[in-house]
Amino acid sequence: MVQRLAEEILDELQLITEEAVAHLNSLEEVELLQLSEKREELVNEFQCHKPNLTPQNRQQIDYILSFDSLITKRMQFLKDEAGAWLQRRGSAKQQLNAYQQQHAVNSWFIDHRN
């Protein structure tokens, strides 16, 4: 595999980050996961360039990192939304179970009518 230049890696990282932020409110969990995985892959590829960072590289990295809080907020929102849905589902299931009688398999149910 041919080693890419630090600038190429940072440019790609910046591009995917800016594209994601431009559509952040419509990104779903799967897309955010793919973004995270791709960014991690690029950061790992960039590691060998760390000793030779230029001031321009550092500035570009700071710019890219400035979007992280927005991406993290979107992830937290989706996490909270999923948690609330699970809680509502559990509550509805609990209410449903209260109305469903559980009977033993070989038991008798006698209804006394007056």
C-alpha atoms as a PDB file:
ATOM      1  CA  MET A   1       0.000   0.000   0.000  1.00  0.00           C
ATOM      2  CA  VAL A   2       1.337   3.412  -0.961  1.00  0.00           C
ATOM      3  CA  GLN A   3       1.560   5.876   1.897  1.00  0.00           C
ATOM      4  CA  ARG A   4      -0.568   8.952   1.313  1.00  0.00           C
ATOM      5  CA  LEU A   5       0.561  12.441   2.179  1.00  0.00           C
ATOM      6  CA  ALA A   6      -0.636  13.991   5.422  1.00  0.00           C
ATOM      7  CA  GLU A   7      -2.401  16.729   3.441  1.00  0.00           C
ATOM      8  CA  GLU A   8      -4.386  14.184   1.414  1.00  0.00           C
ATOM      9  CA  ILE A   9      -5.557  12.396   4.537  1.00  0.00           C
ATOM     10  CA  LEU A  10      -6.486  15.640   6.300  1.00  0.00           C
ATOM     11  CA  ASP A  11      -8.297  16.934   3.214  1.00  0.00           C
ATOM     12  CA  GLU A  12     -10.399  13.757   3.049  1.00  0.00           C
ATOM     13  CA  LEU A  13     -11.071  13.917   6.777  1.00  0.00           C
ATOM     14  CA  GLN A  14     -12.132  17.543   6.471  1.00  0.00           C
ATOM     15  CA  LEU A  15     -14.368  16.801   3.467  1.00  0.00           C
ATOM     16  CA  ILE A  16     -16.306  13.948   5.095  1.00  0.00           C
ATOM     17  CA  THR A  17     -16.635  15.931   8.325  1.00  0.00           C
ATOM     18  CA  GLU A  18     -17.976  19.039   6.575  1.00  0.00           C
ATOM     19  CA  GLU A  19     -20.405  16.949   4.500  1.00  0.00           C
ATOM     20  CA  ALA A  20     -21.684  15.216   7.615  1.00  0.00           C
ATOM     21  CA  VAL A  21     -22.161  18.485   9.495  1.00  0.00           C
ATOM     22  CA  ALA A  22     -24.002  20.002   6.515  1.00  0.00           C
ATOM     23  CA  HIS A  23     -26.592  17.184   6.780  1.00  0.00           C
ATOM     24  CA  LEU A  24     -26.256  16.523  10.493  1.00  0.00           C
ATOM     25  CA  ASN A  25     -29.944  16.803  11.436  1.00  0.00           C
ATOM     26  CA  SER A  26     -30.919  14.163   8.885  1.00  0.00           C
ATOM     27  CA  LEU A  27     -28.140  11.674   9.697  1.00  0.00           C
ATOM     28  CA  GLU A  28     -29.298   8.479  11.340  1.00  0.00           C
ATOM     29  CA  GLU A  29     -27.442   6.101  13.634  1.00  0.00           C
ATOM     30  CA  VAL A  30     -26.031   3.941  10.847  1.00  0.00           C
ATOM     31  CA  GLU A  31     -24.685   6.929   8.938  1.00  0.00           C
ATOM     32  CA  LEU A  32     -23.077   8.351  12.063  1.00  0.00           C
ATOM     33  CA  LEU A  33     -21.503   4.984  12.778  1.00  0.00           C
ATOM     34  CA  GLN A  34     -20.094   4.859   9.236  1.00  0.00           C
ATOM     35  CA  LEU A  35     -18.762   8.399   9.648  1.00  0.00           C
ATOM     36  CA  SER A  36     -17.071   7.482  12.924  1.00  0.00           C
ATOM     37  CA  GLU A  37     -15.504   4.377  11.416  1.00  0.00           C
ATOM     38  CA  LYS A  38     -14.224   6.266   8.371  1.00  0.00           C
ATOM     39  CA  ARG A  39     -12.808   9.066  10.514  1.00  0.00           C
ATOM     40  CA  GLU A  40     -11.097   6.520  12.759  1.00  0.00           C
ATOM     41  CA  GLU A  41      -9.597   4.818   9.714  1.00  0.00           C
ATOM     42  CA  LEU A  42      -8.229   8.149   8.434  1.00  0.00           C
ATOM     43  CA  VAL A  43      -6.867   9.121  11.855  1.00  0.00           C
ATOM     44  CA  ASN A  44      -5.081   5.765  12.103  1.00  0.00           C
ATOM     45  CA  GLU A  45      -3.649   6.253   8.627  1.00  0.00           C
ATOM     46  CA  PHE A  46      -2.464   9.721   9.663  1.00  0.00           C
ATOM     47  CA  GLN A  47      -0.589   8.490  12.755  1.00  0.00           C
ATOM     48  CA  CYS A  48       2.697   7.959  10.903  1.00  0.00           C
ATOM     49  CA  HIS A  49       2.693  11.662   9.931  1.00  0.00           C
ATOM     50  CA  LYS A  50       2.364  12.995  13.489  1.00  0.00           C
ATOM     51  CA  PRO A  51       6.104  13.588  14.044  1.00  0.00           C
ATOM     52  CA  ASN A  52       6.270  15.828  10.957  1.00  0.00           C
ATOM     53  CA  LEU A  53       3.213  18.017  11.453  1.00  0.00           C
ATOM     54  CA  THR A  54       3.375  21.465   9.935  1.00  0.00           C
ATOM     55  CA  PRO A  55       1.649  24.516  11.420  1.00  0.00           C
ATOM     56  CA  GLN A  56      -0.820  24.299   8.522  1.00  0.00           C
ATOM     57  CA  ASN A  57      -1.571  20.652   9.407  1.00  0.00           C
ATOM     58  CA  ARG A  58      -2.186  21.625  13.028  1.00  0.00           C
ATOM     59  CA  GLN A  59      -4.517  24.409  11.960  1.00  0.00           C
ATOM     60  CA  GLN A  60      -6.480  22.042   9.713  1.00  0.00           C
ATOM     61  CA  ILE A  61      -6.727  19.480  12.515  1.00  0.00           C
ATOM     62  CA  ASP A  62      -8.068  22.146  14.888  1.00  0.00           C
ATOM     63  CA  TYR A  63     -10.637  23.141  12.261  1.00  0.00           C
ATOM     64  CA  ILE A  64     -11.768  19.526  11.810  1.00  0.00           C
ATOM     65  CA  LEU A  65     -11.965  19.019  15.578  1.00  0.00           C
ATOM     66  CA  SER A  66     -14.147  22.118  15.917  1.00  0.00           C
ATOM     67  CA  PHE A  67     -17.040  20.087  14.447  1.00  0.00           C
ATOM     68  CA  ASP A  68     -16.755  17.226  16.932  1.00  0.00           C
ATOM     69  CA  SER A  69     -19.064  18.797  19.513  1.00  0.00           C
ATOM     70  CA  LEU A  70     -21.844  19.138  16.912  1.00  0.00           C
ATOM     71  CA  ILE A  71     -21.453  15.521  15.832  1.00  0.00           C
ATOM     72  CA  THR A  72     -21.375  14.359  19.445  1.00  0.00           C
ATOM     73  CA  LYS A  73     -24.559  16.316  20.225  1.00  0.00           C
ATOM     74  CA  ARG A  74     -26.358  14.604  17.337  1.00  0.00           C
ATOM     75  CA  MET A  75     -25.183  11.197  18.558  1.00  0.00           C
ATOM     76  CA  GLN A  76     -26.362  12.001  22.083  1.00  0.00           C
ATOM     77  CA  PHE A  77     -29.742  13.153  20.754  1.00  0.00           C
ATOM     78  CA  LEU A  78     -30.230   9.878  18.876  1.00  0.00           C
ATOM     79  CA  LYS A  79     -29.120   7.905  21.935  1.00  0.00           C
ATOM     80  CA  ASP A  80     -31.585   9.765  24.169  1.00  0.00           C
ATOM     81  CA  GLU A  81     -34.350   9.316  21.608  1.00  0.00           C
ATOM     82  CA  ALA A  82     -33.724   5.563  21.444  1.00  0.00           C
ATOM     83  CA  GLY A  83     -33.645   5.348  25.243  1.00  0.00           C
ATOM     84  CA  ALA A  84     -36.965   7.170  25.528  1.00  0.00           C
ATOM     85  CA  TRP A  85     -38.506   4.846  22.933  1.00  0.00           C
ATOM     86  CA  LEU A  86     -37.299   1.777  24.838  1.00  0.00           C
ATOM     87  CA  GLN A  87     -38.676   3.185  28.067  1.00  0.00           C
ATOM     88  CA  ARG A  88     -42.095   3.865  26.467  1.00  0.00           C
ATOM     89  CA  ARG A  89     -42.112   0.385  24.965  1.00  0.00           C
ATOM     90  CA  GLY A  90     -41.286  -1.194  28.321  1.00  0.00           C
ATOM     91  CA  SER A  91     -43.998   0.817  30.038  1.00  0.00           C
ATOM     92  CA  ALA A  92     -46.595  -0.175  27.435  1.00  0.00           C
ATOM     93  CA  LYS A  93     -45.572  -3.817  27.725  1.00  0.00           C
ATOM     94  CA  GLN A  94     -45.879  -3.650  31.506  1.00  0.00           C
ATOM     95  CA  GLN A  95     -49.366  -2.144  31.243  1.00  0.00           C
ATOM     96  CA  LEU A  96     -50.402  -4.798  28.734  1.00  0.00           C
ATOM     97  CA  ASN A  97     -49.146  -7.590  30.995  1.00  0.00           C
ATOM     98  CA  ALA A  98     -51.248  -6.243  33.871  1.00  0.00           C
ATOM     99  CA  TYR A  99     -54.390  -6.959  31.843  1.00  0.00           C
ATOM    100  CA  GLN A 100     -53.350 -10.378  30.658  1.00  0.00           C
ATOM    101  CA  GLN A 101     -53.954 -13.127  33.183  1.00  0.00           C
ATOM    102  CA  GLN A 102     -51.235 -15.715  33.477  1.00  0.00           C
ATOM    103  CA  HIS A 103     -52.719 -19.196  34.056  1.00  0.00           C
ATOM    104  CA  ALA A 104     -51.043 -22.458  34.858  1.00  0.00           C
ATOM    105  CA  VAL A 105     -51.218 -24.986  32.030  1.00  0.00           C
ATOM    106  CA  ASN A 106     -53.373 -27.624  33.794  1.00  0.00           C
ATOM    107  CA  SER A 107     -55.471 -25.332  35.938  1.00  0.00           C
ATOM    108  CA  TRP A 108     -59.173 -24.561  36.027  1.00  0.00           C
ATOM    109  CA  PHE A 109     -60.731 -21.158  35.965  1.00  0.00           C
ATOM    110  CA  ILE A 110     -64.118 -20.940  37.652  1.00  0.00           C
ATOM    111  CA  ASP A 111     -66.254 -17.902  37.033  1.00  0.00           C
ATOM    112  CA  HIS A 112     -68.900 -17.420  39.697  1.00  0.00           C
ATOM    113  CA  ARG A 113     -71.933 -15.672  38.275  1.00  0.00           C
ATOM    114  CA  ASN A 114     -74.692 -14.395  40.437  1.00  0.00           C
END
